[in-house]
Amino acid sequence: MTSMLERFVDTFVVLFVVVDPIGLAPIYAALTHGTSAAYARRMALRGTLVAAVLLFVFAFAGTWLLRALGITLPAFQIAGGILLFLVALDMVFVQHSGIRSPTESERREARTRTDISVFPLAFPLIAGPGALTTVLLLAGGQSQAPYGTAGLLAVVTLVLLLTLATLLQAPRLMRWLGETGANVVTRVFGVILSALAVQYVLDGLGAGLS
């Protein structure tokens, strides 16, 4: 029971850091600025639902996809660790390179859309390359553990519910934290994620050489 709880907590921390709901607040607030509360609420709900579908598909079918492509889990751990390290650099320097958030040109395009739930909210803001890679890595690492997939899906659901709550309260959160406060949280998460990314690479190298 203790090991299951520890695995659940560890998985939650990793995915929560990667998704970074608090860091999404200023971006989402900017995308929905000047719109009605009903519109912002509808986009948050729909975007979170689409992100859930993407993450659940990767949780269920990601390992099968790797096998179908002939990619071993250690190889993907190394590649995924490198990608997550790039995501961490974006978080530490609060950059918008397009890896975990829309670029400036994509943001301008999003402002002209009547529906931002799929792009850029669901992808790449919530279920971006970093989050999808993390879910696939976690699914591969827990595939042999008892209730591993069920635990991962529970963690994904919990993180998405917290993300939805953050989006719905984005204006209030921004008044409380301010953009500087949100950036500080994102930078701290980025440092943690960089260490996790390096660990993924080391695990992949160790498994590949053993």
N, C-alpha and C. Protein backbone atom coordinates (compact mmCIF):
# COMPACT_ATOMS: atom_id res chain seq x y z
N MET A 1 0.83 -1.22 0.00
CA MET A 1 0.00 0.00 0.00
C MET A 1 0.86 1.26 0.00
N THR A 2 1.94 1.21 0.82
CA THR A 2 2.81 2.38 0.90
C THR A 2 3.48 2.66 -0.44
N SER A 3 3.98 1.59 -1.09
CA SER A 3 4.65 1.77 -2.38
C SER A 3 3.69 2.31 -3.43
N MET A 4 2.43 1.83 -3.39
CA MET A 4 1.44 2.33 -4.34
C MET A 4 1.18 3.81 -4.11
N LEU A 5 1.08 4.21 -2.84
CA LEU A 5 0.85 5.61 -2.52
C LEU A 5 2.03 6.47 -2.95
N GLU A 6 3.24 5.97 -2.69
CA GLU A 6 4.43 6.72 -3.09
C GLU A 6 4.50 6.87 -4.61
N ARG A 7 4.15 5.79 -5.33
CA ARG A 7 4.16 5.84 -6.79
C ARG A 7 3.11 6.84 -7.28
N PHE A 8 1.95 6.87 -6.64
CA PHE A 8 0.89 7.80 -7.01
C PHE A 8 1.36 9.24 -6.81
N VAL A 9 1.97 9.50 -5.65
CA VAL A 9 2.44 10.85 -5.34
C VAL A 9 3.55 11.27 -6.31
N ASP A 10 4.50 10.36 -6.56
CA ASP A 10 5.59 10.68 -7.48
C ASP A 10 5.06 10.99 -8.88
N THR A 11 4.12 10.17 -9.35
CA THR A 11 3.53 10.38 -10.68
C THR A 11 2.80 11.71 -10.73
N PHE A 12 2.06 12.03 -9.66
CA PHE A 12 1.33 13.30 -9.60
C PHE A 12 2.28 14.48 -9.67
N VAL A 13 3.36 14.42 -8.90
CA VAL A 13 4.31 15.54 -8.88
C VAL A 13 4.92 15.76 -10.26
N VAL A 14 5.32 14.66 -10.91
CA VAL A 14 5.94 14.79 -12.24
C VAL A 14 4.97 15.42 -13.23
N LEU A 15 3.76 14.91 -13.31
CA LEU A 15 2.80 15.42 -14.30
C LEU A 15 2.35 16.83 -13.96
N PHE A 16 2.17 17.12 -12.68
CA PHE A 16 1.75 18.46 -12.27
C PHE A 16 2.81 19.49 -12.65
N VAL A 17 4.08 19.13 -12.44
CA VAL A 17 5.17 20.04 -12.78
C VAL A 17 5.22 20.28 -14.29
N VAL A 18 5.01 19.22 -15.07
CA VAL A 18 5.09 19.36 -16.53
C VAL A 18 3.92 20.20 -17.06
N VAL A 19 2.71 19.91 -16.61
CA VAL A 19 1.55 20.67 -17.09
C VAL A 19 1.59 22.11 -16.59
N ASP A 20 2.04 22.30 -15.32
CA ASP A 20 2.20 23.63 -14.74
C ASP A 20 0.92 24.46 -14.83
N PRO A 21 -0.14 24.05 -14.12
CA PRO A 21 -1.41 24.79 -14.20
C PRO A 21 -1.29 26.26 -13.83
N ILE A 22 -0.44 26.58 -12.85
CA ILE A 22 -0.30 27.97 -12.42
C ILE A 22 0.35 28.80 -13.54
N GLY A 23 1.31 28.21 -14.23
CA GLY A 23 1.95 28.91 -15.34
C GLY A 23 1.02 29.12 -16.52
N LEU A 24 -0.03 28.28 -16.62
CA LEU A 24 -1.00 28.45 -17.70
C LEU A 24 -1.92 29.65 -17.47
N ALA A 25 -2.08 30.04 -16.21
CA ALA A 25 -3.06 31.08 -15.87
C ALA A 25 -2.84 32.38 -16.64
N PRO A 26 -1.61 32.96 -16.64
CA PRO A 26 -1.45 34.23 -17.37
C PRO A 26 -1.66 34.09 -18.87
N ILE A 27 -1.26 32.95 -19.45
CA ILE A 27 -1.46 32.75 -20.89
C ILE A 27 -2.95 32.66 -21.21
N TYR A 28 -3.67 31.87 -20.39
CA TYR A 28 -5.10 31.70 -20.62
C TYR A 28 -5.84 33.03 -20.39
N ALA A 29 -5.43 33.77 -19.37
CA ALA A 29 -6.07 35.06 -19.09
C ALA A 29 -5.88 36.01 -20.26
N ALA A 30 -4.69 35.97 -20.89
CA ALA A 30 -4.44 36.84 -22.04
C ALA A 30 -5.27 36.42 -23.24
N LEU A 31 -5.42 35.10 -23.44
CA LEU A 31 -6.18 34.60 -24.60
C LEU A 31 -7.67 34.92 -24.47
N THR A 32 -8.18 34.95 -23.25
CA THR A 32 -9.62 35.19 -23.06
C THR A 32 -9.91 36.61 -22.58
N HIS A 33 -8.91 37.48 -22.63
CA HIS A 33 -9.12 38.87 -22.19
C HIS A 33 -10.15 39.55 -23.08
N GLY A 34 -11.09 40.21 -22.47
CA GLY A 34 -12.12 40.93 -23.22
C GLY A 34 -13.30 40.08 -23.64
N THR A 35 -13.28 38.80 -23.32
CA THR A 35 -14.41 37.91 -23.65
C THR A 35 -15.33 37.78 -22.45
N SER A 36 -16.49 37.19 -22.66
CA SER A 36 -17.43 37.03 -21.56
C SER A 36 -16.99 35.89 -20.65
N ALA A 37 -17.50 35.91 -19.42
CA ALA A 37 -17.18 34.86 -18.46
C ALA A 37 -17.71 33.51 -18.94
N ALA A 38 -18.87 33.52 -19.59
CA ALA A 38 -19.45 32.28 -20.10
C ALA A 38 -18.56 31.68 -21.18
N TYR A 39 -18.02 32.52 -22.08
CA TYR A 39 -17.14 32.03 -23.14
C TYR A 39 -15.86 31.44 -22.54
N ALA A 40 -15.26 32.16 -21.58
CA ALA A 40 -14.02 31.68 -20.96
C ALA A 40 -14.26 30.35 -20.25
N ARG A 41 -15.41 30.24 -19.58
CA ARG A 41 -15.73 28.99 -18.87
C ARG A 41 -15.92 27.85 -19.87
N ARG A 42 -16.59 28.13 -20.97
CA ARG A 42 -16.84 27.09 -21.98
C ARG A 42 -15.54 26.62 -22.62
N MET A 43 -14.64 27.55 -22.92
CA MET A 43 -13.36 27.17 -23.50
C MET A 43 -12.52 26.35 -22.54
N ALA A 44 -12.55 26.71 -21.25
CA ALA A 44 -11.78 25.97 -20.25
C ALA A 44 -12.29 24.54 -20.13
N LEU A 45 -13.61 24.37 -20.07
CA LEU A 45 -14.18 23.03 -19.95
C LEU A 45 -13.89 22.19 -21.19
N ARG A 46 -14.11 22.77 -22.36
CA ARG A 46 -13.91 22.01 -23.60
C ARG A 46 -12.44 21.70 -23.82
N GLY A 47 -11.57 22.67 -23.56
CA GLY A 47 -10.14 22.45 -23.74
C GLY A 47 -9.59 21.37 -22.81
N THR A 48 -10.05 21.38 -21.57
CA THR A 48 -9.61 20.35 -20.62
C THR A 48 -10.10 18.98 -21.05
N LEU A 49 -11.31 18.90 -21.57
CA LEU A 49 -11.85 17.61 -22.04
C LEU A 49 -11.05 17.08 -23.22
N VAL A 50 -10.72 17.95 -24.18
CA VAL A 50 -9.92 17.51 -25.33
C VAL A 50 -8.54 17.07 -24.88
N ALA A 51 -7.93 17.80 -23.94
CA ALA A 51 -6.62 17.42 -23.41
C ALA A 51 -6.70 16.07 -22.72
N ALA A 52 -7.80 15.81 -22.01
CA ALA A 52 -7.98 14.52 -21.34
C ALA A 52 -8.00 13.38 -22.35
N VAL A 53 -8.69 13.58 -23.46
CA VAL A 53 -8.74 12.55 -24.50
C VAL A 53 -7.34 12.26 -25.03
N LEU A 54 -6.57 13.32 -25.31
CA LEU A 54 -5.21 13.14 -25.83
C LEU A 54 -4.33 12.39 -24.83
N LEU A 55 -4.39 12.79 -23.58
CA LEU A 55 -3.54 12.16 -22.56
C LEU A 55 -3.96 10.72 -22.29
N PHE A 56 -5.26 10.47 -22.28
CA PHE A 56 -5.73 9.10 -22.06
C PHE A 56 -5.32 8.18 -23.21
N VAL A 57 -5.39 8.69 -24.44
CA VAL A 57 -4.97 7.89 -25.59
C VAL A 57 -3.50 7.51 -25.46
N PHE A 58 -2.65 8.46 -25.06
CA PHE A 58 -1.23 8.16 -24.90
C PHE A 58 -1.00 7.21 -23.73
N ALA A 59 -1.80 7.34 -22.67
CA ALA A 59 -1.65 6.43 -21.53
C ALA A 59 -1.99 5.00 -21.91
N PHE A 60 -3.03 4.83 -22.74
CA PHE A 60 -3.46 3.49 -23.13
C PHE A 60 -2.65 2.92 -24.28
N ALA A 61 -2.41 3.75 -25.30
CA ALA A 61 -1.84 3.23 -26.55
C ALA A 61 -0.39 3.61 -26.77
N GLY A 62 0.20 4.41 -25.90
CA GLY A 62 1.56 4.88 -26.12
C GLY A 62 2.58 3.76 -26.18
N THR A 63 2.49 2.82 -25.23
CA THR A 63 3.45 1.71 -25.21
C THR A 63 3.30 0.84 -26.45
N TRP A 64 2.06 0.60 -26.86
CA TRP A 64 1.81 -0.18 -28.07
C TRP A 64 2.40 0.52 -29.29
N LEU A 65 2.26 1.85 -29.33
CA LEU A 65 2.79 2.62 -30.46
C LEU A 65 4.30 2.50 -30.54
N LEU A 66 4.97 2.55 -29.38
CA LEU A 66 6.42 2.40 -29.38
C LEU A 66 6.83 1.04 -29.91
N ARG A 67 6.12 -0.01 -29.47
CA ARG A 67 6.44 -1.35 -29.96
C ARG A 67 6.19 -1.46 -31.46
N ALA A 68 5.10 -0.85 -31.94
CA ALA A 68 4.78 -0.91 -33.37
C ALA A 68 5.85 -0.21 -34.20
N LEU A 69 6.45 0.85 -33.64
CA LEU A 69 7.49 1.58 -34.36
C LEU A 69 8.88 1.00 -34.14
N GLY A 70 8.96 -0.01 -33.27
CA GLY A 70 10.25 -0.63 -33.00
C GLY A 70 11.14 0.20 -32.10
N ILE A 71 10.55 1.07 -31.28
CA ILE A 71 11.31 1.94 -30.38
C ILE A 71 11.28 1.33 -28.99
N THR A 72 12.44 1.10 -28.40
CA THR A 72 12.50 0.55 -27.06
C THR A 72 12.22 1.64 -26.03
N LEU A 73 11.77 1.23 -24.85
CA LEU A 73 11.49 2.20 -23.79
C LEU A 73 12.75 2.96 -23.38
N PRO A 74 13.92 2.31 -23.23
CA PRO A 74 15.12 3.10 -22.90
C PRO A 74 15.43 4.18 -23.93
N ALA A 75 15.26 3.85 -25.21
CA ALA A 75 15.51 4.86 -26.26
C ALA A 75 14.55 6.03 -26.11
N PHE A 76 13.28 5.72 -25.82
CA PHE A 76 12.31 6.80 -25.67
C PHE A 76 12.55 7.58 -24.38
N GLN A 77 13.06 6.90 -23.34
CA GLN A 77 13.40 7.62 -22.11
C GLN A 77 14.48 8.66 -22.37
N ILE A 78 15.47 8.29 -23.18
CA ILE A 78 16.54 9.24 -23.50
C ILE A 78 15.99 10.40 -24.32
N ALA A 79 15.23 10.06 -25.39
CA ALA A 79 14.66 11.12 -26.24
C ALA A 79 13.68 11.98 -25.46
N GLY A 80 12.82 11.32 -24.65
CA GLY A 80 11.84 12.06 -23.85
C GLY A 80 12.51 12.94 -22.81
N GLY A 81 13.61 12.44 -22.21
CA GLY A 81 14.33 13.24 -21.23
C GLY A 81 14.92 14.49 -21.85
N ILE A 82 15.46 14.35 -23.07
CA ILE A 82 16.01 15.52 -23.78
C ILE A 82 14.91 16.53 -24.07
N LEU A 83 13.75 16.03 -24.55
CA LEU A 83 12.63 16.93 -24.84
C LEU A 83 12.16 17.64 -23.58
N LEU A 84 12.03 16.89 -22.49
CA LEU A 84 11.58 17.49 -21.24
C LEU A 84 12.59 18.50 -20.72
N PHE A 85 13.87 18.27 -20.98
CA PHE A 85 14.89 19.24 -20.57
C PHE A 85 14.72 20.55 -21.34
N LEU A 86 14.38 20.46 -22.63
CA LEU A 86 14.11 21.67 -23.41
C LEU A 86 12.87 22.39 -22.88
N VAL A 87 11.86 21.60 -22.49
CA VAL A 87 10.67 22.20 -21.88
C VAL A 87 11.06 22.91 -20.58
N ALA A 88 11.93 22.26 -19.79
CA ALA A 88 12.36 22.86 -18.52
C ALA A 88 13.11 24.17 -18.75
N LEU A 89 13.94 24.22 -19.80
CA LEU A 89 14.64 25.46 -20.12
C LEU A 89 13.66 26.57 -20.45
N ASP A 90 12.62 26.24 -21.21
CA ASP A 90 11.58 27.22 -21.52
C ASP A 90 10.94 27.75 -20.24
N MET A 91 10.70 26.84 -19.29
CA MET A 91 10.05 27.23 -18.03
C MET A 91 10.97 28.09 -17.18
N VAL A 92 12.25 27.71 -17.11
CA VAL A 92 13.19 28.47 -16.28
C VAL A 92 13.37 29.89 -16.82
N PHE A 93 13.46 30.01 -18.15
CA PHE A 93 13.67 31.33 -18.76
C PHE A 93 12.37 32.00 -19.17
N VAL A 94 11.23 31.33 -18.87
CA VAL A 94 9.89 31.85 -19.20
C VAL A 94 9.84 32.28 -20.67
N GLN A 95 10.23 31.36 -21.55
CA GLN A 95 10.21 31.61 -22.98
C GLN A 95 8.99 30.94 -23.59
N HIS A 96 8.60 31.41 -24.77
CA HIS A 96 7.47 30.82 -25.50
C HIS A 96 7.98 30.38 -26.87
N SER A 97 8.72 29.26 -26.86
CA SER A 97 9.36 28.80 -28.09
C SER A 97 8.44 27.94 -28.94
N GLY A 98 7.28 27.56 -28.40
CA GLY A 98 6.38 26.69 -29.13
C GLY A 98 6.42 25.26 -28.65
N ILE A 99 7.35 24.93 -27.73
CA ILE A 99 7.42 23.57 -27.21
C ILE A 99 6.30 23.32 -26.21
N ARG A 100 6.09 24.25 -25.29
CA ARG A 100 5.05 24.06 -24.28
C ARG A 100 3.96 25.12 -24.32
N SER A 101 4.09 26.09 -25.19
CA SER A 101 3.09 27.14 -25.30
C SER A 101 3.14 27.71 -26.71
N PRO A 102 2.08 28.41 -27.13
CA PRO A 102 2.07 28.95 -28.49
C PRO A 102 3.14 30.01 -28.69
N THR A 103 3.65 30.09 -29.90
CA THR A 103 4.55 31.19 -30.23
C THR A 103 3.72 32.48 -30.35
N GLU A 104 4.41 33.60 -30.49
CA GLU A 104 3.70 34.87 -30.57
C GLU A 104 2.79 34.92 -31.80
N SER A 105 3.26 34.41 -32.93
CA SER A 105 2.42 34.40 -34.13
C SER A 105 1.20 33.49 -33.93
N GLU A 106 1.39 32.37 -33.23
CA GLU A 106 0.26 31.48 -32.96
C GLU A 106 -0.73 32.13 -32.00
N ARG A 107 -0.23 32.93 -31.08
CA ARG A 107 -1.13 33.65 -30.17
C ARG A 107 -1.97 34.67 -30.93
N ARG A 108 -1.33 35.36 -31.86
CA ARG A 108 -2.09 36.35 -32.65
C ARG A 108 -3.18 35.64 -33.46
N GLU A 109 -2.84 34.47 -33.99
CA GLU A 109 -3.84 33.70 -34.74
C GLU A 109 -4.96 33.24 -33.82
N ALA A 110 -4.59 32.82 -32.60
CA ALA A 110 -5.60 32.32 -31.65
C ALA A 110 -6.60 33.42 -31.26
N ARG A 111 -6.12 34.68 -31.21
CA ARG A 111 -7.01 35.77 -30.81
C ARG A 111 -8.10 36.01 -31.85
N THR A 112 -7.88 35.58 -33.09
CA THR A 112 -8.90 35.77 -34.13
C THR A 112 -9.85 34.58 -34.22
N ARG A 113 -9.58 33.51 -33.46
CA ARG A 113 -10.43 32.32 -33.50
C ARG A 113 -11.63 32.50 -32.59
N THR A 114 -12.74 31.89 -32.98
CA THR A 114 -13.90 31.90 -32.10
C THR A 114 -13.87 30.74 -31.12
N ASP A 115 -13.02 29.75 -31.38
CA ASP A 115 -12.90 28.59 -30.51
C ASP A 115 -11.43 28.30 -30.28
N ILE A 116 -10.94 28.53 -29.05
CA ILE A 116 -9.53 28.29 -28.73
C ILE A 116 -9.37 27.02 -27.90
N SER A 117 -10.42 26.22 -27.79
CA SER A 117 -10.39 25.07 -26.88
C SER A 117 -9.42 23.99 -27.35
N VAL A 118 -9.39 23.72 -28.66
CA VAL A 118 -8.48 22.69 -29.17
C VAL A 118 -7.08 23.27 -29.35
N PHE A 119 -6.98 24.33 -30.12
CA PHE A 119 -5.71 25.05 -30.28
C PHE A 119 -5.94 26.50 -29.93
N PRO A 120 -5.15 27.06 -29.03
CA PRO A 120 -3.95 26.47 -28.42
C PRO A 120 -4.18 25.91 -27.01
N LEU A 121 -5.43 25.85 -26.52
CA LEU A 121 -5.63 25.49 -25.12
C LEU A 121 -5.32 24.02 -24.84
N ALA A 122 -6.04 23.11 -25.53
CA ALA A 122 -5.79 21.68 -25.28
C ALA A 122 -4.37 21.30 -25.72
N PHE A 123 -3.99 21.77 -26.91
CA PHE A 123 -2.65 21.52 -27.44
C PHE A 123 -2.14 22.82 -28.06
N PRO A 124 -1.00 23.38 -27.61
CA PRO A 124 -0.01 22.74 -26.75
C PRO A 124 -0.01 23.17 -25.29
N LEU A 125 -1.01 23.98 -24.85
CA LEU A 125 -0.93 24.50 -23.49
C LEU A 125 -1.09 23.42 -22.42
N ILE A 126 -2.15 22.61 -22.51
CA ILE A 126 -2.37 21.59 -21.47
C ILE A 126 -1.68 20.28 -21.84
N ALA A 127 -2.07 19.70 -22.96
CA ALA A 127 -1.50 18.42 -23.39
C ALA A 127 -0.49 18.67 -24.50
N GLY A 128 0.58 19.36 -24.15
CA GLY A 128 1.62 19.64 -25.13
C GLY A 128 2.58 18.48 -25.28
N PRO A 129 3.63 18.65 -26.08
CA PRO A 129 4.60 17.57 -26.27
C PRO A 129 5.21 17.08 -24.96
N GLY A 130 5.48 17.99 -24.04
CA GLY A 130 6.05 17.58 -22.76
C GLY A 130 5.11 16.70 -21.95
N ALA A 131 3.85 17.09 -21.88
CA ALA A 131 2.87 16.31 -21.11
C ALA A 131 2.61 14.96 -21.77
N LEU A 132 2.50 14.94 -23.10
CA LEU A 132 2.26 13.67 -23.80
C LEU A 132 3.45 12.74 -23.64
N THR A 133 4.65 13.29 -23.73
CA THR A 133 5.85 12.47 -23.54
C THR A 133 5.91 11.92 -22.13
N THR A 134 5.57 12.75 -21.15
CA THR A 134 5.61 12.32 -19.76
C THR A 134 4.62 11.20 -19.51
N VAL A 135 3.41 11.33 -20.02
CA VAL A 135 2.41 10.29 -19.84
C VAL A 135 2.87 8.98 -20.47
N LEU A 136 3.46 9.07 -21.66
CA LEU A 136 3.93 7.86 -22.33
C LEU A 136 5.06 7.20 -21.53
N LEU A 137 5.99 8.01 -21.01
CA LEU A 137 7.07 7.47 -20.19
C LEU A 137 6.54 6.83 -18.91
N LEU A 138 5.59 7.51 -18.27
CA LEU A 138 5.01 6.97 -17.04
C LEU A 138 4.23 5.69 -17.33
N ALA A 139 3.52 5.65 -18.45
CA ALA A 139 2.77 4.45 -18.82
C ALA A 139 3.71 3.28 -19.05
N GLY A 140 4.84 3.54 -19.72
CA GLY A 140 5.81 2.48 -19.96
C GLY A 140 6.46 1.99 -18.69
N GLY A 141 6.71 2.90 -17.76
CA GLY A 141 7.36 2.52 -16.52
C GLY A 141 6.45 1.82 -15.54
N GLN A 142 5.12 2.02 -15.68
CA GLN A 142 4.19 1.43 -14.73
C GLN A 142 3.36 0.30 -15.33
N SER A 143 3.67 -0.08 -16.57
CA SER A 143 2.85 -1.08 -17.24
C SER A 143 2.87 -2.42 -16.52
N GLN A 144 3.97 -2.74 -15.81
CA GLN A 144 4.07 -4.02 -15.12
C GLN A 144 3.63 -3.92 -13.66
N ALA A 145 3.40 -2.71 -13.16
CA ALA A 145 3.03 -2.55 -11.76
C ALA A 145 1.54 -2.83 -11.55
N PRO A 146 1.16 -3.37 -10.37
CA PRO A 146 -0.26 -3.60 -10.10
C PRO A 146 -1.03 -2.29 -10.13
N TYR A 147 -2.14 -2.28 -10.85
CA TYR A 147 -2.98 -1.09 -10.96
C TYR A 147 -2.21 0.11 -11.54
N GLY A 148 -1.12 -0.17 -12.28
CA GLY A 148 -0.29 0.91 -12.79
C GLY A 148 -1.04 1.84 -13.72
N THR A 149 -1.75 1.28 -14.70
CA THR A 149 -2.48 2.11 -15.66
C THR A 149 -3.62 2.85 -14.98
N ALA A 150 -4.33 2.16 -14.08
CA ALA A 150 -5.44 2.80 -13.37
C ALA A 150 -4.93 3.95 -12.51
N GLY A 151 -3.79 3.74 -11.85
CA GLY A 151 -3.21 4.82 -11.04
C GLY A 151 -2.80 6.00 -11.89
N LEU A 152 -2.21 5.72 -13.07
CA LEU A 152 -1.80 6.80 -13.97
C LEU A 152 -3.00 7.60 -14.45
N LEU A 153 -4.08 6.90 -14.81
CA LEU A 153 -5.28 7.60 -15.26
C LEU A 153 -5.88 8.44 -14.14
N ALA A 154 -5.81 7.93 -12.91
CA ALA A 154 -6.30 8.71 -11.76
C ALA A 154 -5.48 9.98 -11.59
N VAL A 155 -4.16 9.87 -11.76
CA VAL A 155 -3.29 11.04 -11.64
C VAL A 155 -3.59 12.05 -12.75
N VAL A 156 -3.73 11.55 -13.97
CA VAL A 156 -4.05 12.44 -15.10
C VAL A 156 -5.35 13.19 -14.83
N THR A 157 -6.35 12.45 -14.35
CA THR A 157 -7.65 13.07 -14.05
C THR A 157 -7.51 14.14 -12.98
N LEU A 158 -6.76 13.84 -11.92
CA LEU A 158 -6.58 14.80 -10.82
C LEU A 158 -5.86 16.06 -11.30
N VAL A 159 -4.79 15.87 -12.07
CA VAL A 159 -4.04 17.03 -12.58
C VAL A 159 -4.91 17.88 -13.50
N LEU A 160 -5.72 17.24 -14.34
CA LEU A 160 -6.60 17.99 -15.24
C LEU A 160 -7.69 18.73 -14.48
N LEU A 161 -8.20 18.13 -13.42
CA LEU A 161 -9.20 18.83 -12.61
C LEU A 161 -8.59 20.06 -11.94
N LEU A 162 -7.37 19.93 -11.45
CA LEU A 162 -6.69 21.09 -10.86
C LEU A 162 -6.39 22.15 -11.93
N THR A 163 -6.04 21.70 -13.12
CA THR A 163 -5.80 22.63 -14.24
C THR A 163 -7.08 23.38 -14.59
N LEU A 164 -8.19 22.65 -14.66
CA LEU A 164 -9.47 23.28 -14.96
C LEU A 164 -9.82 24.32 -13.90
N ALA A 165 -9.62 23.96 -12.64
CA ALA A 165 -9.90 24.91 -11.55
C ALA A 165 -9.03 26.17 -11.69
N THR A 166 -7.77 25.97 -12.07
CA THR A 166 -6.87 27.12 -12.25
C THR A 166 -7.33 28.00 -13.41
N LEU A 167 -7.75 27.38 -14.50
CA LEU A 167 -8.23 28.17 -15.65
C LEU A 167 -9.49 28.95 -15.30
N LEU A 168 -10.40 28.30 -14.59
CA LEU A 168 -11.65 28.97 -14.22
C LEU A 168 -11.40 30.14 -13.28
N GLN A 169 -10.34 30.03 -12.47
CA GLN A 169 -10.02 31.08 -11.50
C GLN A 169 -8.84 31.93 -11.96
N ALA A 170 -8.51 31.88 -13.26
CA ALA A 170 -7.33 32.58 -13.76
C ALA A 170 -7.33 34.08 -13.44
N PRO A 171 -8.43 34.81 -13.67
CA PRO A 171 -8.40 36.24 -13.36
C PRO A 171 -8.12 36.51 -11.88
N ARG A 172 -8.77 35.75 -11.01
CA ARG A 172 -8.56 35.94 -9.57
C ARG A 172 -7.13 35.55 -9.18
N LEU A 173 -6.62 34.47 -9.78
CA LEU A 173 -5.26 34.01 -9.48
C LEU A 173 -4.24 35.03 -9.93
N MET A 174 -4.48 35.66 -11.08
CA MET A 174 -3.54 36.66 -11.57
C MET A 174 -3.56 37.92 -10.71
N ARG A 175 -4.73 38.26 -10.17
CA ARG A 175 -4.79 39.41 -9.26
C ARG A 175 -4.02 39.12 -7.98
N TRP A 176 -4.02 37.87 -7.56
CA TRP A 176 -3.35 37.49 -6.33
C TRP A 176 -1.84 37.30 -6.53
N LEU A 177 -1.46 36.56 -7.54
CA LEU A 177 -0.05 36.28 -7.78
C LEU A 177 0.63 37.35 -8.62
N GLY A 178 -0.11 37.84 -9.63
CA GLY A 178 0.51 38.71 -10.61
C GLY A 178 1.32 37.87 -11.59
N GLU A 179 1.70 38.45 -12.70
CA GLU A 179 2.47 37.69 -13.70
C GLU A 179 3.83 37.32 -13.16
N THR A 180 4.43 38.20 -12.34
CA THR A 180 5.75 37.90 -11.77
C THR A 180 5.67 36.69 -10.85
N GLY A 181 4.64 36.65 -10.00
CA GLY A 181 4.49 35.51 -9.10
C GLY A 181 4.29 34.21 -9.85
N ALA A 182 3.45 34.26 -10.90
CA ALA A 182 3.24 33.05 -11.71
C ALA A 182 4.52 32.62 -12.39
N ASN A 183 5.33 33.56 -12.84
CA ASN A 183 6.60 33.23 -13.49
C ASN A 183 7.58 32.61 -12.50
N VAL A 184 7.56 33.09 -11.25
CA VAL A 184 8.44 32.51 -10.23
C VAL A 184 8.09 31.04 -10.00
N VAL A 185 6.78 30.75 -9.90
CA VAL A 185 6.35 29.36 -9.73
C VAL A 185 6.79 28.51 -10.92
N THR A 186 6.61 29.05 -12.12
CA THR A 186 7.01 28.32 -13.33
C THR A 186 8.50 28.05 -13.33
N ARG A 187 9.32 29.02 -12.91
CA ARG A 187 10.77 28.82 -12.88
C ARG A 187 11.15 27.72 -11.89
N VAL A 188 10.50 27.72 -10.72
CA VAL A 188 10.78 26.67 -9.74
C VAL A 188 10.43 25.30 -10.32
N PHE A 189 9.25 25.21 -10.94
CA PHE A 189 8.85 23.96 -11.58
C PHE A 189 9.85 23.55 -12.67
N GLY A 190 10.38 24.54 -13.39
CA GLY A 190 11.33 24.25 -14.45
C GLY A 190 12.61 23.63 -13.91
N VAL A 191 13.09 24.13 -12.77
CA VAL A 191 14.29 23.55 -12.15
C VAL A 191 14.04 22.10 -11.76
N ILE A 192 12.87 21.84 -11.16
CA ILE A 192 12.53 20.47 -10.77
C ILE A 192 12.44 19.57 -12.00
N LEU A 193 11.79 20.08 -13.05
CA LEU A 193 11.62 19.29 -14.27
C LEU A 193 12.96 18.99 -14.92
N SER A 194 13.90 19.92 -14.87
CA SER A 194 15.21 19.67 -15.47
C SER A 194 15.90 18.50 -14.80
N ALA A 195 15.78 18.41 -13.47
CA ALA A 195 16.37 17.28 -12.76
C ALA A 195 15.67 15.97 -13.14
N LEU A 196 14.35 16.01 -13.25
CA LEU A 196 13.61 14.82 -13.66
C LEU A 196 13.99 14.39 -15.08
N ALA A 197 14.20 15.36 -15.95
CA ALA A 197 14.58 15.06 -17.34
C ALA A 197 15.94 14.37 -17.38
N VAL A 198 16.88 14.87 -16.62
CA VAL A 198 18.20 14.25 -16.57
C VAL A 198 18.09 12.83 -16.03
N GLN A 199 17.23 12.62 -15.02
CA GLN A 199 17.05 11.28 -14.47
C GLN A 199 16.49 10.33 -15.51
N TYR A 200 15.55 10.81 -16.34
CA TYR A 200 15.02 9.97 -17.42
C TYR A 200 16.14 9.54 -18.37
N VAL A 201 17.02 10.48 -18.72
CA VAL A 201 18.12 10.16 -19.63
C VAL A 201 19.06 9.14 -18.99
N LEU A 202 19.38 9.34 -17.71
CA LEU A 202 20.27 8.40 -17.01
C LEU A 202 19.63 7.02 -16.92
N ASP A 203 18.33 6.98 -16.62
CA ASP A 203 17.63 5.68 -16.56
C ASP A 203 17.66 4.99 -17.92
N GLY A 204 17.43 5.77 -18.98
CA GLY A 204 17.45 5.19 -20.31
C GLY A 204 18.82 4.66 -20.69
N LEU A 205 19.86 5.41 -20.35
CA LEU A 205 21.21 4.96 -20.64
C LEU A 205 21.55 3.71 -19.85
N GLY A 206 21.15 3.71 -18.57
CA GLY A 206 21.42 2.54 -17.73
C GLY A 206 20.74 1.30 -18.22
N ALA A 207 19.46 1.45 -18.60
CA ALA A 207 18.70 0.29 -19.11
C ALA A 207 19.24 -0.17 -20.46
N GLY A 208 19.65 0.78 -21.28
CA GLY A 208 20.14 0.41 -22.61
C GLY A 208 21.49 -0.28 -22.57
N LEU A 209 22.33 0.07 -21.59
CA LEU A 209 23.65 -0.51 -21.49
C LEU A 209 23.69 -1.80 -20.67
N SER A 210 22.61 -2.06 -19.94
CA SER A 210 22.60 -3.26 -19.09
C SER A 210 22.26 -4.51 -19.89
